[in-house]
Amino acid sequence: MRKHLRTGLPCLVAAGVMLVPGGPGALAAPAAGGEDVTVYVGAGGTSFAGLSGKSLLRAAGRAGLTAQSPVGSLRDAQAVLEARNTRNATILLRGGTYTDAGVEWGPGIADGTVTVKAQPGTGPVTFDGRAAKAGYWTKVGPKSPKLNFQGPYTVKRYGDGGIKATGTKKDGPVKGLVVNRITFKQIGNAWVRGGKGYAGVHLNYVSKAKITNNSFVNLENTKVPGNMHGVYFAFNQTQKTPGSNGNLVKGNTFQVISGDPVRASDGSNGNKVQKNVFKKGRDHKGKTRGNGNHGMFTYWVFPRANTCGKGGNTFSGNTYTVNYYNKKAPAVRSGSDTGRTCKSVKDAGGNTYKR
């Protein structure tokens, strides 16, 4: 994996250097408040490993700006954005397989929105985490740019999960996260030795995220099956923040998730799970299974935050089948490890069970 050296990069404008290439794909002069940048990424593209200081500044300021001169990874693309006075950015992924893992979107990369999408007409894009052995594909914080992950592309073989977004007491929740048309596949320790197996999209103190039109396939934890979820609404456990509120999970497919495919906890409220399909498939050993144990959308109380969700967690218009153990489970359920009784998730109607 390439080593990423971007900490403390000054922007080119602040340094008094304006790199605006001419010809096709050229960037316009920076607008007030920063420029909008498109960065091209391709397997085998330019790497900034081993560079630092002015050398890194010069290289990152001029690389990746055309399809003919891509950078090699998401981390390299971050360095380009941080080296320029970036407002909004589009990162275009050329078809191929990438090994990025644990990519963190911290402050200073861009001031506005960063859209990560596949470059049309270049073939399928896959992020494969086997080289990392454990961890998440990418992490988002409250001071990150607004992240807009737009597929189609595949995120597979990560030991802990796909996307982890975590808010903090100081900076508040992560806001504006969009995850659309991504396939999260073969995640967890059933597929990656040493993985912990948590979630395809793991939201810890996140508000108003849109998780739409994705596929969650074979997310399996063999050591503690119930710990693995497709989408998980929770809080920042270390800082005891509020939960994740007002998020939308719509139009997704869940297939063979060892834990409840959508789970809320820690006081998370107002999360809507609409028009998704929960269906059967083959597990890591080839056995036919459905999803979860207690239900399709569950709220659970743990000793770490012995509190119920106040309301608004709803499940509507979904189609579902048997659970991971091939038994019929309820569409929704509120449960507890503390003996507390909650009614924190509601069946809002229009749900269809098909064995």
Protein backbone atom coordinates (compact mmCIF):
# COMPACT_ATOMS: atom_id res chain seq x y z
CA MET A 1 0.00 0.00 0.00
CA ARG A 2 1.26 3.48 -0.80
CA LYS A 3 2.31 5.65 2.09
CA HIS A 4 0.44 8.94 2.14
CA LEU A 5 2.31 12.04 3.22
CA ARG A 6 -0.17 14.92 3.26
CA THR A 7 -0.13 16.23 6.83
CA GLY A 8 0.28 19.97 7.00
CA LEU A 9 0.32 20.63 3.25
CA PRO A 10 -0.06 24.36 2.49
CA CYS A 11 -2.18 25.25 -0.47
CA LEU A 12 -0.52 26.52 -3.62
CA VAL A 13 -2.37 29.80 -3.58
CA ALA A 14 -1.16 30.55 -0.07
CA ALA A 15 2.36 29.69 -1.19
CA GLY A 16 2.09 32.19 -4.06
CA VAL A 17 2.18 29.49 -6.75
CA MET A 18 -0.62 29.19 -9.29
CA LEU A 19 -0.49 25.98 -11.30
CA VAL A 20 -3.21 26.25 -13.91
CA PRO A 21 -2.40 23.90 -16.79
CA GLY A 22 -3.36 24.76 -20.35
CA GLY A 23 -4.96 22.56 -22.98
CA PRO A 24 -7.68 19.91 -22.61
CA GLY A 25 -8.80 19.33 -19.04
CA ALA A 26 -7.29 22.62 -17.86
CA LEU A 27 -8.59 24.13 -14.64
CA ALA A 28 -10.05 27.60 -14.55
CA ALA A 29 -8.46 30.21 -12.34
CA PRO A 30 -9.49 29.76 -8.70
CA ALA A 31 -12.72 31.45 -7.74
CA ALA A 32 -13.18 33.34 -4.51
CA GLY A 33 -13.21 30.86 -1.67
CA GLY A 34 -11.34 28.21 -3.66
CA GLU A 35 -11.45 26.41 -6.99
CA ASP A 36 -13.48 23.42 -8.14
CA VAL A 37 -11.12 20.58 -9.01
CA THR A 38 -11.43 17.28 -10.89
CA VAL A 39 -8.81 14.66 -10.06
CA TYR A 40 -8.35 11.47 -12.08
CA VAL A 41 -7.31 8.25 -10.34
CA GLY A 42 -6.04 5.15 -12.10
CA ALA A 43 -4.29 2.00 -10.92
CA GLY A 44 -0.58 2.49 -11.64
CA GLY A 45 -0.89 6.29 -11.69
CA THR A 46 1.41 8.77 -9.97
CA SER A 47 2.24 8.02 -6.35
CA PHE A 48 3.51 10.58 -3.84
CA ALA A 49 5.07 8.00 -1.55
CA GLY A 50 8.40 9.24 -0.23
CA LEU A 51 7.74 12.90 -1.04
CA SER A 52 7.42 15.68 1.51
CA GLY A 53 7.66 19.44 1.85
CA LYS A 54 8.14 21.47 -1.33
CA SER A 55 8.68 18.36 -3.46
CA LEU A 56 5.30 17.00 -2.43
CA LEU A 57 3.72 20.42 -2.92
CA ARG A 58 5.02 20.73 -6.47
CA ALA A 59 4.13 17.16 -7.45
CA ALA A 60 0.64 17.19 -5.93
CA GLY A 61 -0.17 20.60 -7.38
CA ARG A 62 0.19 19.46 -10.97
CA ALA A 63 -0.68 15.73 -10.97
CA GLY A 64 -3.97 13.99 -11.66
CA LEU A 65 -5.63 16.85 -13.49
CA THR A 66 -6.22 14.98 -16.76
CA ALA A 67 -7.29 11.46 -17.63
CA GLN A 68 -3.90 10.96 -19.27
CA SER A 69 -1.97 11.67 -16.05
CA PRO A 70 -3.91 10.09 -13.15
CA VAL A 71 -2.72 9.66 -9.61
CA GLY A 72 -2.67 6.14 -8.23
CA SER A 73 -4.97 6.10 -5.19
CA LEU A 74 -7.55 7.97 -3.13
CA ARG A 75 -4.79 9.13 -0.78
CA ASP A 76 -2.87 10.58 -3.70
CA ALA A 77 -6.06 12.32 -4.85
CA GLN A 78 -6.45 13.81 -1.37
CA ALA A 79 -2.93 15.22 -1.61
CA VAL A 80 -3.81 16.94 -4.89
CA LEU A 81 -6.90 18.53 -3.36
CA GLU A 82 -5.05 19.63 -0.25
CA ALA A 83 -2.21 21.12 -2.29
CA ARG A 84 -4.67 23.31 -4.20
CA ASN A 85 -7.14 25.82 -2.84
CA THR A 86 -10.00 23.37 -3.30
CA ARG A 87 -13.62 24.22 -2.73
CA ASN A 88 -15.57 21.37 -4.35
CA ALA A 89 -14.00 18.36 -6.02
CA THR A 90 -14.80 15.36 -8.17
CA ILE A 91 -12.56 12.32 -7.96
CA LEU A 92 -12.95 10.12 -11.04
CA LEU A 93 -11.93 6.48 -10.65
CA ARG A 94 -10.70 4.73 -13.77
CA GLY A 95 -11.72 1.08 -14.10
CA GLY A 96 -9.41 -1.24 -12.17
CA THR A 97 -8.67 -2.68 -8.73
CA TYR A 98 -7.44 -0.51 -5.86
CA THR A 99 -6.09 -1.50 -2.45
CA ASP A 100 -6.89 1.69 -0.51
CA ALA A 101 -7.75 0.99 3.12
CA GLY A 102 -8.28 3.17 6.17
CA VAL A 103 -8.50 6.33 4.04
CA GLU A 104 -9.39 9.22 6.36
CA TRP A 105 -11.09 12.38 5.11
CA GLY A 106 -9.79 14.98 7.53
CA PRO A 107 -9.96 18.78 7.55
CA GLY A 108 -8.07 20.77 4.92
CA ILE A 109 -8.75 18.49 1.96
CA ALA A 110 -11.58 20.64 0.57
CA ASP A 111 -13.99 23.24 1.89
CA GLY A 112 -17.14 22.02 0.17
CA THR A 113 -18.25 18.67 -1.28
CA VAL A 114 -16.04 15.87 -2.56
CA THR A 115 -17.73 13.45 -4.96
CA VAL A 116 -16.01 10.10 -5.51
CA LYS A 117 -17.36 8.39 -8.62
CA ALA A 118 -16.44 5.93 -11.35
CA GLN A 119 -15.10 7.37 -14.60
CA PRO A 120 -17.64 6.41 -17.29
CA GLY A 121 -16.53 4.04 -20.02
CA THR A 122 -13.38 2.79 -18.29
CA GLY A 123 -14.65 -0.49 -16.82
CA PRO A 124 -15.64 -1.70 -13.35
CA VAL A 125 -14.01 -0.21 -10.25
CA THR A 126 -13.16 -2.40 -7.26
CA PHE A 127 -11.62 -1.58 -3.88
CA ASP A 128 -10.17 -4.80 -2.45
CA GLY A 129 -9.12 -4.76 1.22
CA ARG A 130 -7.40 -8.13 1.50
CA ALA A 131 -3.93 -6.56 1.64
CA ALA A 132 -4.99 -4.54 4.71
CA LYS A 133 -6.32 -7.69 6.48
CA ALA A 134 -8.55 -5.66 8.83
CA GLY A 135 -10.09 -2.21 9.24
CA TYR A 136 -12.48 -0.12 7.16
CA TRP A 137 -12.26 1.04 3.57
CA THR A 138 -12.68 4.71 4.47
CA LYS A 139 -13.46 6.96 7.45
CA VAL A 140 -15.33 10.27 7.62
CA GLY A 141 -15.36 12.86 10.42
CA PRO A 142 -17.35 16.02 11.22
CA LYS A 143 -14.59 18.28 9.82
CA SER A 144 -14.24 16.26 6.62
CA PRO A 145 -15.56 17.73 3.40
CA LYS A 146 -19.09 16.60 2.62
CA LEU A 147 -18.56 13.17 1.09
CA ASN A 148 -20.66 12.02 -1.84
CA PHE A 149 -19.78 8.42 -2.77
CA GLN A 150 -21.40 7.73 -6.13
CA GLY A 151 -21.03 4.29 -7.72
CA PRO A 152 -21.16 2.03 -9.43
CA TYR A 153 -18.17 0.47 -7.75
CA THR A 154 -17.48 -2.42 -5.40
CA VAL A 155 -15.97 -2.35 -1.91
CA LYS A 156 -15.03 -5.87 -0.82
CA ARG A 157 -12.91 -7.97 1.51
CA TYR A 158 -12.49 -5.45 4.32
CA GLY A 159 -12.28 -7.03 7.76
CA ASP A 160 -14.22 -4.49 9.84
CA GLY A 161 -16.47 -2.64 7.42
CA GLY A 162 -16.89 -0.34 4.45
CA ILE A 163 -17.54 3.29 5.48
CA LYS A 164 -17.25 4.47 9.07
CA ALA A 165 -18.47 7.99 9.87
CA THR A 166 -17.97 9.36 13.39
CA GLY A 167 -19.02 12.69 14.89
CA THR A 168 -17.53 14.28 18.01
CA LYS A 169 -18.73 16.34 20.97
CA LYS A 170 -16.59 19.28 19.92
CA ASP A 171 -17.49 19.41 16.23
CA GLY A 172 -20.92 17.79 16.19
CA PRO A 173 -22.30 15.06 13.94
CA VAL A 174 -21.14 14.13 10.48
CA LYS A 175 -23.56 15.78 8.05
CA GLY A 176 -24.32 15.48 4.35
CA LEU A 177 -22.90 11.99 3.76
CA VAL A 178 -24.24 10.33 0.59
CA VAL A 179 -23.62 6.67 -0.28
CA ASN A 180 -25.24 5.63 -3.56
CA ARG A 181 -24.94 2.63 -5.92
CA ILE A 182 -22.05 0.92 -4.14
CA THR A 183 -21.76 -2.84 -3.67
CA PHE A 184 -20.41 -3.75 -0.22
CA LYS A 185 -19.40 -7.38 -0.57
CA GLN A 186 -17.69 -10.14 1.42
CA ILE A 187 -16.96 -8.02 4.48
CA GLY A 188 -16.17 -9.37 7.96
CA ASN A 189 -14.05 -12.13 9.44
CA ALA A 190 -15.82 -14.83 7.45
CA TRP A 191 -13.92 -13.38 4.51
CA VAL A 192 -10.91 -11.60 6.04
CA ARG A 193 -8.95 -13.26 8.82
CA GLY A 194 -8.51 -10.94 11.79
CA GLY A 195 -11.43 -8.71 10.88
CA LYS A 196 -13.93 -7.68 13.52
CA GLY A 197 -16.97 -7.53 11.25
CA TYR A 198 -19.12 -4.52 12.13
CA ALA A 199 -21.03 -2.91 9.23
CA GLY A 200 -21.07 -2.00 5.58
CA VAL A 201 -21.98 1.58 6.55
CA HIS A 202 -21.24 2.32 10.20
CA LEU A 203 -22.68 5.63 11.44
CA ASN A 204 -21.60 6.91 14.86
CA TYR A 205 -23.26 10.29 15.56
CA VAL A 206 -24.30 11.09 11.98
CA SER A 207 -27.29 13.10 10.81
CA LYS A 208 -29.19 13.27 7.52
CA ALA A 209 -27.07 10.76 5.64
CA LYS A 210 -28.59 9.24 2.51
CA ILE A 211 -27.81 5.54 2.01
CA THR A 212 -29.55 4.70 -1.26
CA ASN A 213 -29.53 2.11 -4.04
CA ASN A 214 -26.61 0.10 -2.64
CA SER A 215 -26.09 -3.65 -2.37
CA PHE A 216 -24.93 -5.27 0.88
CA VAL A 217 -23.90 -8.83 0.08
CA ASN A 218 -22.27 -11.43 2.34
CA LEU A 219 -21.48 -9.31 5.38
CA GLU A 220 -20.65 -12.07 7.86
CA ASN A 221 -19.07 -12.34 11.29
CA THR A 222 -18.34 -15.95 12.24
CA LYS A 223 -17.20 -15.24 15.80
CA VAL A 224 -20.14 -13.03 16.87
CA PRO A 225 -22.65 -13.20 13.99
CA GLY A 226 -24.99 -10.63 15.54
CA ASN A 227 -22.31 -7.90 15.49
CA MET A 228 -22.33 -7.58 11.69
CA HIS A 229 -24.84 -5.25 10.05
CA GLY A 230 -25.51 -3.69 6.68
CA VAL A 231 -26.22 -0.22 8.13
CA TYR A 232 -25.68 0.64 11.79
CA PHE A 233 -26.95 3.80 13.56
CA ALA A 234 -25.07 4.43 16.81
CA PHE A 235 -23.18 7.06 18.81
CA ASN A 236 -19.53 7.90 19.33
CA GLN A 237 -18.95 5.34 22.06
CA THR A 238 -15.72 6.91 23.33
CA GLN A 239 -17.25 10.37 23.78
CA LYS A 240 -20.81 9.34 24.65
CA THR A 241 -22.36 11.65 22.04
CA PRO A 242 -26.00 11.58 20.93
CA GLY A 243 -26.95 8.84 18.50
CA SER A 244 -27.39 9.02 14.73
CA ASN A 245 -30.57 10.83 13.74
CA GLY A 246 -32.64 11.60 10.67
CA ASN A 247 -30.88 9.29 8.24
CA LEU A 248 -32.43 7.58 5.22
CA VAL A 249 -31.89 4.00 4.02
CA LYS A 250 -33.82 3.58 0.78
CA GLY A 251 -33.80 1.34 -2.29
CA ASN A 252 -31.00 -0.93 -1.11
CA THR A 253 -30.59 -4.70 -1.36
CA PHE A 254 -29.48 -6.73 1.66
CA GLN A 255 -28.41 -10.32 1.05
CA VAL A 256 -26.87 -12.63 3.66
CA ILE A 257 -26.07 -10.33 6.59
CA SER A 258 -25.22 -12.35 9.72
CA GLY A 259 -26.53 -9.70 12.13
CA ASP A 260 -29.71 -7.65 11.83
CA PRO A 261 -29.30 -5.91 8.46
CA VAL A 262 -30.27 -2.48 9.82
CA ARG A 263 -29.65 -1.75 13.52
CA ALA A 264 -30.12 1.38 15.63
CA SER A 265 -28.94 1.93 19.20
CA ASP A 266 -27.66 4.54 21.68
CA GLY A 267 -30.64 6.88 21.42
CA SER A 268 -30.69 7.06 17.61
CA ASN A 269 -33.96 8.55 16.33
CA GLY A 270 -35.83 9.50 13.18
CA ASN A 271 -34.12 7.02 10.86
CA LYS A 272 -36.25 5.83 7.95
CA VAL A 273 -35.77 2.47 6.21
CA GLN A 274 -37.88 2.48 3.04
CA LYS A 275 -38.39 0.39 -0.10
CA ASN A 276 -35.45 -1.97 0.44
CA VAL A 277 -35.23 -5.65 -0.51
CA PHE A 278 -33.95 -8.22 1.99
CA LYS A 279 -33.32 -11.53 0.25
CA LYS A 280 -31.63 -14.91 0.49
CA GLY A 281 -28.29 -15.99 -0.95
CA ARG A 282 -25.30 -18.22 -0.31
CA ASP A 283 -23.09 -17.70 2.73
CA HIS A 284 -19.29 -18.11 2.92
CA LYS A 285 -19.71 -21.89 3.05
CA GLY A 286 -22.28 -22.09 0.28
CA LYS A 287 -25.33 -22.51 2.54
CA THR A 288 -28.54 -20.64 1.69
CA ARG A 289 -29.34 -17.96 4.28
CA GLY A 290 -31.35 -14.81 4.75
CA ASN A 291 -30.55 -11.81 6.95
CA GLY A 292 -30.16 -11.16 10.65
CA ASN A 293 -31.57 -12.75 13.76
CA HIS A 294 -34.02 -10.53 15.66
CA GLY A 295 -35.51 -8.64 12.71
CA MET A 296 -34.80 -6.62 9.60
CA PHE A 297 -34.68 -3.22 11.36
CA THR A 298 -34.01 -3.44 15.08
CA TYR A 299 -33.30 -1.08 17.93
CA TRP A 300 -31.11 -2.45 20.72
CA VAL A 301 -30.29 -1.13 24.19
CA PHE A 302 -26.80 -1.80 25.53
CA PRO A 303 -25.29 -1.08 28.98
CA ARG A 304 -22.99 1.52 27.35
CA ALA A 305 -26.04 3.74 26.71
CA ASN A 306 -29.06 2.44 28.56
CA THR A 307 -31.54 4.58 26.65
CA CYS A 308 -34.40 4.15 24.21
CA GLY A 309 -34.76 5.94 20.92
CA LYS A 310 -37.36 8.68 21.31
CA GLY A 311 -39.17 7.79 18.09
CA GLY A 312 -39.31 8.16 14.36
CA ASN A 313 -37.34 5.05 13.46
CA THR A 314 -39.64 3.56 10.82
CA PHE A 315 -39.69 0.60 8.44
CA SER A 316 -42.00 0.90 5.41
CA GLY A 317 -42.51 -0.45 1.92
CA ASN A 318 -39.84 -3.13 2.23
CA THR A 319 -39.77 -6.73 1.01
CA TYR A 320 -38.11 -9.26 3.31
CA THR A 321 -37.56 -12.98 3.80
CA VAL A 322 -36.18 -15.39 6.43
CA ASN A 323 -33.37 -14.53 8.80
CA TYR A 324 -29.76 -15.72 8.68
CA TYR A 325 -30.86 -18.97 10.35
CA ASN A 326 -33.65 -19.55 7.81
CA LYS A 327 -36.43 -18.80 10.28
CA LYS A 328 -39.11 -16.17 10.03
CA ALA A 329 -38.22 -13.08 12.06
CA PRO A 330 -40.30 -9.94 12.60
CA ALA A 331 -39.84 -6.98 10.33
CA VAL A 332 -38.96 -4.75 13.31
CA ARG A 333 -38.07 -5.33 16.92
CA SER A 334 -36.85 -3.34 19.91
CA GLY A 335 -34.72 -5.33 22.34
CA SER A 336 -32.31 -4.90 25.21
CA ASP A 337 -29.26 -6.34 26.94
CA THR A 338 -30.20 -4.43 30.10
CA GLY A 339 -33.78 -5.53 30.68
CA ARG A 340 -35.11 -2.15 29.59
CA THR A 341 -38.29 -2.18 27.50
CA CYS A 342 -38.33 0.07 24.44
CA LYS A 343 -40.55 0.64 21.45
CA SER A 344 -38.00 2.51 19.40
CA VAL A 345 -38.67 1.23 15.89
CA LYS A 346 -42.07 1.11 14.17
CA ASP A 347 -43.50 -0.93 11.33
CA ALA A 348 -45.01 1.92 9.31
CA GLY A 349 -46.77 -0.36 6.83
CA GLY A 350 -46.44 -1.63 3.29
CA ASN A 351 -43.91 -4.33 4.16
CA THR A 352 -44.15 -7.73 2.44
CA TYR A 353 -42.78 -11.05 3.72
CA LYS A 354 -41.79 -13.62 1.09
CA ARG A 355 -40.29 -16.86 2.24
